[in-house]
Amino acid sequence: MSEQQWLLASHNAGKCREFSALLEPLGITLIPQGTLAIPESPEPYGTFLENALEKARHAARLSGLPSLADDSGLCVDALGGAPGVYSARYAGEPKSDARNNSLLLERMTGIQDRRAAFVCTLVLVRHAEDPDPLVAQGRWKGRIVEQPSGQGGFGYDPLFWIEELGCTSAALSSQQKNEFSHRAQAMRRLLELCKS
């Protein structure tokens, strides 16, 4: 599956940059669904897998293109996996990284166990009714810091400390993030599935 176009079932510019950088060397051009005026799909489910599949089928149905969707978020052990699938809207609408981060820090006040993981489930459908979608997951382990740190990234990156790198994901270059992140891990697994 190379030298072709895939539709990205997302309006998130950060995700589009990350995925495009990972796919470009393989001759795959990623088209954000917003450029085709495709509206965001509802995300009615309680799992990353179900939401990603819903988004991929929605985008493929409206575009006629193979469609890639991810559902990803931050799962904090001490909060029972929250914010989880609600990561982007944790503090309500409209979506706000700053408000989400503030709410997470507030809910983590006084909690010693700060383990967390960024989780990404990627789904690729060749067409809207694809009976055998390709599914891959990535998990990036870290912990929640008490104060934001780092200038890059988006979402919860300023709060997510990676022990082996000695910094938050917001302090990483885009190249480093594309090497280690949950999305990078999931994409590598998905591309292995494509090759096989």
C-alpha atoms as a PDB file:
ATOM      1  CA  MET A   1       0.000   0.000   0.000  1.00  0.00           C
ATOM      2  CA  SER A   2       2.222   2.826  -1.206  1.00  0.00           C
ATOM      3  CA  GLU A   3       2.193   5.718  -3.674  1.00  0.00           C
ATOM      4  CA  GLN A   4      -1.357   6.515  -2.738  1.00  0.00           C
ATOM      5  CA  GLN A   5      -3.645   8.798  -0.809  1.00  0.00           C
ATOM      6  CA  TRP A   6      -5.239   8.050   2.503  1.00  0.00           C
ATOM      7  CA  LEU A   7      -7.803  10.256   4.180  1.00  0.00           C
ATOM      8  CA  LEU A   8      -7.095  11.179   7.788  1.00  0.00           C
ATOM      9  CA  ALA A   9     -10.333  11.124   9.764  1.00  0.00           C
ATOM     10  CA  SER A  10      -9.367  14.056  11.969  1.00  0.00           C
ATOM     11  CA  HIS A  11      -9.391  17.838  12.093  1.00  0.00           C
ATOM     12  CA  ASN A  12      -6.486  17.858  14.583  1.00  0.00           C
ATOM     13  CA  ALA A  13      -3.555  19.675  12.947  1.00  0.00           C
ATOM     14  CA  GLY A  14      -1.026  18.203  15.402  1.00  0.00           C
ATOM     15  CA  LYS A  15      -2.059  14.634  14.592  1.00  0.00           C
ATOM     16  CA  CYS A  16      -1.986  15.385  10.869  1.00  0.00           C
ATOM     17  CA  ARG A  17       1.599  16.696  11.091  1.00  0.00           C
ATOM     18  CA  GLU A  18       2.743  13.665  13.109  1.00  0.00           C
ATOM     19  CA  PHE A  19       1.109  11.078  10.838  1.00  0.00           C
ATOM     20  CA  SER A  20       2.145  12.835   7.618  1.00  0.00           C
ATOM     21  CA  ALA A  21       5.789  12.832   8.734  1.00  0.00           C
ATOM     22  CA  LEU A  22       5.572   9.084   9.434  1.00  0.00           C
ATOM     23  CA  LEU A  23       3.854   8.214   6.121  1.00  0.00           C
ATOM     24  CA  GLU A  24       5.590  10.586   3.696  1.00  0.00           C
ATOM     25  CA  PRO A  25       8.760   8.450   3.318  1.00  0.00           C
ATOM     26  CA  LEU A  26       6.524   5.548   2.216  1.00  0.00           C
ATOM     27  CA  GLY A  27       4.920   7.493  -0.613  1.00  0.00           C
ATOM     28  CA  ILE A  28       1.593   7.819   1.182  1.00  0.00           C
ATOM     29  CA  THR A  29      -0.034  11.250   1.094  1.00  0.00           C
ATOM     30  CA  LEU A  30      -2.353  11.964   3.974  1.00  0.00           C
ATOM     31  CA  ILE A  31      -5.334  14.220   3.250  1.00  0.00           C
ATOM     32  CA  PRO A  32      -7.016  15.777   6.305  1.00  0.00           C
ATOM     33  CA  GLN A  33     -10.774  15.273   6.085  1.00  0.00           C
ATOM     34  CA  GLY A  34     -11.370  19.000   6.618  1.00  0.00           C
ATOM     35  CA  THR A  35      -9.898  19.769   3.187  1.00  0.00           C
ATOM     36  CA  LEU A  36     -12.790  17.779   1.683  1.00  0.00           C
ATOM     37  CA  ALA A  37     -15.318  19.468   4.003  1.00  0.00           C
ATOM     38  CA  ILE A  38     -15.999  16.171   5.777  1.00  0.00           C
ATOM     39  CA  PRO A  39     -17.411  16.880   9.236  1.00  0.00           C
ATOM     40  CA  GLU A  40     -16.056  15.200  12.342  1.00  0.00           C
ATOM     41  CA  SER A  41     -17.689  11.911  13.212  1.00  0.00           C
ATOM     42  CA  PRO A  42     -19.431  11.443  16.542  1.00  0.00           C
ATOM     43  CA  GLU A  43     -17.383   9.494  19.093  1.00  0.00           C
ATOM     44  CA  PRO A  44     -20.176   7.805  21.037  1.00  0.00           C
ATOM     45  CA  TYR A  45     -18.293   4.825  22.426  1.00  0.00           C
ATOM     46  CA  GLY A  46     -16.387   4.119  25.616  1.00  0.00           C
ATOM     47  CA  THR A  47     -13.343   2.551  23.947  1.00  0.00           C
ATOM     48  CA  PHE A  48     -10.625   3.887  21.675  1.00  0.00           C
ATOM     49  CA  LEU A  49     -11.174   0.991  19.239  1.00  0.00           C
ATOM     50  CA  GLU A  50     -14.885   1.551  18.692  1.00  0.00           C
ATOM     51  CA  ASN A  51     -14.466   5.302  18.238  1.00  0.00           C
ATOM     52  CA  ALA A  52     -11.553   4.913  15.789  1.00  0.00           C
ATOM     53  CA  LEU A  53     -13.521   2.417  13.698  1.00  0.00           C
ATOM     54  CA  GLU A  54     -16.565   4.706  13.648  1.00  0.00           C
ATOM     55  CA  LYS A  55     -14.410   7.651  12.505  1.00  0.00           C
ATOM     56  CA  ALA A  56     -12.624   5.635   9.787  1.00  0.00           C
ATOM     57  CA  ARG A  57     -15.876   4.272   8.308  1.00  0.00           C
ATOM     58  CA  HIS A  58     -17.495   7.726   8.403  1.00  0.00           C
ATOM     59  CA  ALA A  59     -14.559   9.307   6.532  1.00  0.00           C
ATOM     60  CA  ALA A  60     -14.349   6.491   3.961  1.00  0.00           C
ATOM     61  CA  ARG A  61     -18.098   6.648   3.329  1.00  0.00           C
ATOM     62  CA  LEU A  62     -17.978  10.384   2.593  1.00  0.00           C
ATOM     63  CA  SER A  63     -14.687  10.420   0.656  1.00  0.00           C
ATOM     64  CA  GLY A  64     -14.458   7.103  -1.194  1.00  0.00           C
ATOM     65  CA  LEU A  65     -10.806   6.904  -0.078  1.00  0.00           C
ATOM     66  CA  PRO A  66      -8.999   4.478   2.213  1.00  0.00           C
ATOM     67  CA  SER A  67      -9.341   6.139   5.593  1.00  0.00           C
ATOM     68  CA  LEU A  68      -7.094   6.235   8.624  1.00  0.00           C
ATOM     69  CA  ALA A  69      -8.518   7.133  12.010  1.00  0.00           C
ATOM     70  CA  ASP A  70      -7.100   7.155  15.448  1.00  0.00           C
ATOM     71  CA  ASP A  71      -8.646   7.517  18.806  1.00  0.00           C
ATOM     72  CA  SER A  72      -6.131   8.337  21.418  1.00  0.00           C
ATOM     73  CA  GLY A  73      -5.893   9.825  24.820  1.00  0.00           C
ATOM     74  CA  LEU A  74      -4.276   9.901  28.195  1.00  0.00           C
ATOM     75  CA  CYS A  75      -5.082   7.138  30.684  1.00  0.00           C
ATOM     76  CA  VAL A  76      -4.103   7.905  34.285  1.00  0.00           C
ATOM     77  CA  ASP A  77      -3.894   4.878  36.584  1.00  0.00           C
ATOM     78  CA  ALA A  78      -5.007   6.659  39.763  1.00  0.00           C
ATOM     79  CA  LEU A  79      -8.065   8.086  37.970  1.00  0.00           C
ATOM     80  CA  GLY A  80      -9.290   4.685  36.776  1.00  0.00           C
ATOM     81  CA  GLY A  81      -8.061   5.338  33.238  1.00  0.00           C
ATOM     82  CA  ALA A  82      -9.541   8.843  32.953  1.00  0.00           C
ATOM     83  CA  PRO A  83      -9.572  11.049  31.006  1.00  0.00           C
ATOM     84  CA  GLY A  84      -9.335   8.167  28.465  1.00  0.00           C
ATOM     85  CA  VAL A  85     -11.618   8.533  25.449  1.00  0.00           C
ATOM     86  CA  TYR A  86     -12.747  11.904  26.826  1.00  0.00           C
ATOM     87  CA  SER A  87      -9.205  13.350  26.800  1.00  0.00           C
ATOM     88  CA  ALA A  88      -9.905  16.079  24.227  1.00  0.00           C
ATOM     89  CA  ARG A  89     -13.102  17.185  25.996  1.00  0.00           C
ATOM     90  CA  TYR A  90     -12.106  16.434  29.591  1.00  0.00           C
ATOM     91  CA  ALA A  91     -12.986  19.946  30.790  1.00  0.00           C
ATOM     92  CA  GLY A  92     -16.026  20.186  28.488  1.00  0.00           C
ATOM     93  CA  GLU A  93     -16.776  22.124  25.321  1.00  0.00           C
ATOM     94  CA  PRO A  94     -15.316  23.998  23.623  1.00  0.00           C
ATOM     95  CA  LYS A  95     -12.172  21.841  23.597  1.00  0.00           C
ATOM     96  CA  SER A  96      -9.279  23.480  25.416  1.00  0.00           C
ATOM     97  CA  ASP A  97      -5.835  22.012  26.110  1.00  0.00           C
ATOM     98  CA  ALA A  98      -5.258  24.600  28.845  1.00  0.00           C
ATOM     99  CA  ARG A  99      -8.520  23.827  30.676  1.00  0.00           C
ATOM    100  CA  ASN A 100      -7.995  20.064  30.277  1.00  0.00           C
ATOM    101  CA  ASN A 101      -4.504  20.323  31.764  1.00  0.00           C
ATOM    102  CA  SER A 102      -5.746  22.467  34.658  1.00  0.00           C
ATOM    103  CA  LEU A 103      -8.529  20.009  35.457  1.00  0.00           C
ATOM    104  CA  LEU A 104      -6.148  17.046  35.349  1.00  0.00           C
ATOM    105  CA  LEU A 105      -3.700  18.764  37.729  1.00  0.00           C
ATOM    106  CA  GLU A 106      -6.571  19.634  40.048  1.00  0.00           C
ATOM    107  CA  ARG A 107      -7.801  16.028  40.121  1.00  0.00           C
ATOM    108  CA  MET A 108      -4.257  14.743  40.741  1.00  0.00           C
ATOM    109  CA  THR A 109      -3.720  17.000  43.776  1.00  0.00           C
ATOM    110  CA  GLY A 110      -2.355  14.959  46.658  1.00  0.00           C
ATOM    111  CA  ILE A 111      -2.145  11.736  44.640  1.00  0.00           C
ATOM    112  CA  GLN A 112       1.192   9.928  44.936  1.00  0.00           C
ATOM    113  CA  ASP A 113       0.658   7.352  42.166  1.00  0.00           C
ATOM    114  CA  ARG A 114       1.136   9.471  39.049  1.00  0.00           C
ATOM    115  CA  ARG A 115       1.589   6.680  36.496  1.00  0.00           C
ATOM    116  CA  ALA A 116      -0.080   7.283  33.145  1.00  0.00           C
ATOM    117  CA  ALA A 117       0.045   6.201  29.522  1.00  0.00           C
ATOM    118  CA  PHE A 118      -0.759   7.848  26.247  1.00  0.00           C
ATOM    119  CA  VAL A 119      -2.750   5.277  24.248  1.00  0.00           C
ATOM    120  CA  CYS A 120      -3.421   5.312  20.496  1.00  0.00           C
ATOM    121  CA  THR A 121      -5.636   2.935  18.561  1.00  0.00           C
ATOM    122  CA  LEU A 122      -5.276   3.285  14.789  1.00  0.00           C
ATOM    123  CA  VAL A 123      -7.739   1.861  12.293  1.00  0.00           C
ATOM    124  CA  LEU A 124      -7.320   1.751   8.520  1.00  0.00           C
ATOM    125  CA  VAL A 125     -10.285   0.833   6.339  1.00  0.00           C
ATOM    126  CA  ARG A 126      -9.815   0.297   2.612  1.00  0.00           C
ATOM    127  CA  HIS A 127     -13.462   1.298   2.066  1.00  0.00           C
ATOM    128  CA  ALA A 128     -16.442   2.138   4.274  1.00  0.00           C
ATOM    129  CA  GLU A 129     -17.721  -1.427   4.578  1.00  0.00           C
ATOM    130  CA  ASP A 130     -14.287  -3.065   4.899  1.00  0.00           C
ATOM    131  CA  PRO A 131     -14.959  -6.315   6.826  1.00  0.00           C
ATOM    132  CA  ASP A 132     -11.308  -6.649   7.841  1.00  0.00           C
ATOM    133  CA  PRO A 133     -10.005  -3.260   9.002  1.00  0.00           C
ATOM    134  CA  LEU A 134      -6.370  -3.065  10.030  1.00  0.00           C
ATOM    135  CA  VAL A 135      -6.018  -2.210  13.723  1.00  0.00           C
ATOM    136  CA  ALA A 136      -2.893  -1.298  15.672  1.00  0.00           C
ATOM    137  CA  GLN A 137      -2.289   0.094  19.141  1.00  0.00           C
ATOM    138  CA  GLY A 138       0.546   2.034  20.736  1.00  0.00           C
ATOM    139  CA  ARG A 139       1.091   2.719  24.439  1.00  0.00           C
ATOM    140  CA  TRP A 140       3.592   5.280  25.769  1.00  0.00           C
ATOM    141  CA  LYS A 141       4.207   5.041  29.493  1.00  0.00           C
ATOM    142  CA  GLY A 142       5.051   7.978  31.703  1.00  0.00           C
ATOM    143  CA  ARG A 143       3.813   9.900  34.703  1.00  0.00           C
ATOM    144  CA  ILE A 144       1.983  13.141  35.386  1.00  0.00           C
ATOM    145  CA  VAL A 145       4.154  16.001  36.633  1.00  0.00           C
ATOM    146  CA  GLU A 146       2.899  18.618  39.083  1.00  0.00           C
ATOM    147  CA  GLN A 147       3.731  21.632  36.893  1.00  0.00           C
ATOM    148  CA  PRO A 148       3.623  21.971  33.082  1.00  0.00           C
ATOM    149  CA  SER A 149       7.039  21.809  31.415  1.00  0.00           C
ATOM    150  CA  GLY A 150       8.181  22.219  27.798  1.00  0.00           C
ATOM    151  CA  GLN A 151       7.067  24.445  24.940  1.00  0.00           C
ATOM    152  CA  GLY A 152       6.215  21.962  22.176  1.00  0.00           C
ATOM    153  CA  GLY A 153       3.547  19.408  21.429  1.00  0.00           C
ATOM    154  CA  PHE A 154      -0.140  19.766  22.210  1.00  0.00           C
ATOM    155  CA  GLY A 155      -2.766  18.316  24.508  1.00  0.00           C
ATOM    156  CA  TYR A 156      -1.340  16.841  27.712  1.00  0.00           C
ATOM    157  CA  ASP A 157       2.274  16.873  26.454  1.00  0.00           C
ATOM    158  CA  PRO A 158       3.416  19.492  29.029  1.00  0.00           C
ATOM    159  CA  LEU A 159       2.256  17.222  31.890  1.00  0.00           C
ATOM    160  CA  PHE A 160       3.535  13.866  30.595  1.00  0.00           C
ATOM    161  CA  TRP A 161       7.001  12.968  31.939  1.00  0.00           C
ATOM    162  CA  ILE A 162       8.991  10.233  30.174  1.00  0.00           C
ATOM    163  CA  GLU A 163      11.460   8.734  32.642  1.00  0.00           C
ATOM    164  CA  GLU A 164      13.935   7.321  30.102  1.00  0.00           C
ATOM    165  CA  LEU A 165      14.155  10.666  28.273  1.00  0.00           C
ATOM    166  CA  GLY A 166      14.211  12.831  31.403  1.00  0.00           C
ATOM    167  CA  CYS A 167      11.653  15.348  30.180  1.00  0.00           C
ATOM    168  CA  THR A 168       7.998  15.872  29.306  1.00  0.00           C
ATOM    169  CA  SER A 169       6.787  15.064  25.816  1.00  0.00           C
ATOM    170  CA  ALA A 170       6.354  18.831  25.304  1.00  0.00           C
ATOM    171  CA  ALA A 171      10.159  19.192  25.549  1.00  0.00           C
ATOM    172  CA  LEU A 172      10.816  16.775  22.688  1.00  0.00           C
ATOM    173  CA  SER A 173      11.527  17.806  19.111  1.00  0.00           C
ATOM    174  CA  SER A 174       8.949  16.657  16.581  1.00  0.00           C
ATOM    175  CA  GLN A 175      11.515  14.114  15.309  1.00  0.00           C
ATOM    176  CA  GLN A 176      11.962  12.667  18.817  1.00  0.00           C
ATOM    177  CA  LYS A 177       8.217  12.553  19.386  1.00  0.00           C
ATOM    178  CA  ASN A 178       7.745  10.764  16.061  1.00  0.00           C
ATOM    179  CA  GLU A 179      10.198   8.141  17.249  1.00  0.00           C
ATOM    180  CA  PHE A 180       8.768   7.411  20.703  1.00  0.00           C
ATOM    181  CA  SER A 181       5.106   8.458  20.870  1.00  0.00           C
ATOM    182  CA  HIS A 182       2.038   6.253  21.173  1.00  0.00           C
ATOM    183  CA  ARG A 183       1.012   7.353  17.666  1.00  0.00           C
ATOM    184  CA  ALA A 184       4.441   6.460  16.255  1.00  0.00           C
ATOM    185  CA  GLN A 185       4.286   3.019  17.896  1.00  0.00           C
ATOM    186  CA  ALA A 186       0.782   2.386  16.552  1.00  0.00           C
ATOM    187  CA  MET A 187       1.760   3.587  13.069  1.00  0.00           C
ATOM    188  CA  ARG A 188       4.796   1.287  12.943  1.00  0.00           C
ATOM    189  CA  ARG A 189       2.568  -1.657  13.856  1.00  0.00           C
ATOM    190  CA  LEU A 190      -0.060  -0.635  11.299  1.00  0.00           C
ATOM    191  CA  LEU A 191       2.543  -0.370   8.533  1.00  0.00           C
ATOM    192  CA  GLU A 192       3.831  -3.852   9.413  1.00  0.00           C
ATOM    193  CA  LEU A 193       0.249  -5.094   8.987  1.00  0.00           C
ATOM    194  CA  CYS A 194       0.008  -3.296   5.616  1.00  0.00           C
ATOM    195  CA  LYS A 195       3.214  -4.963   4.399  1.00  0.00           C
ATOM    196  CA  SER A 196       2.035  -8.407   5.474  1.00  0.00           C
END
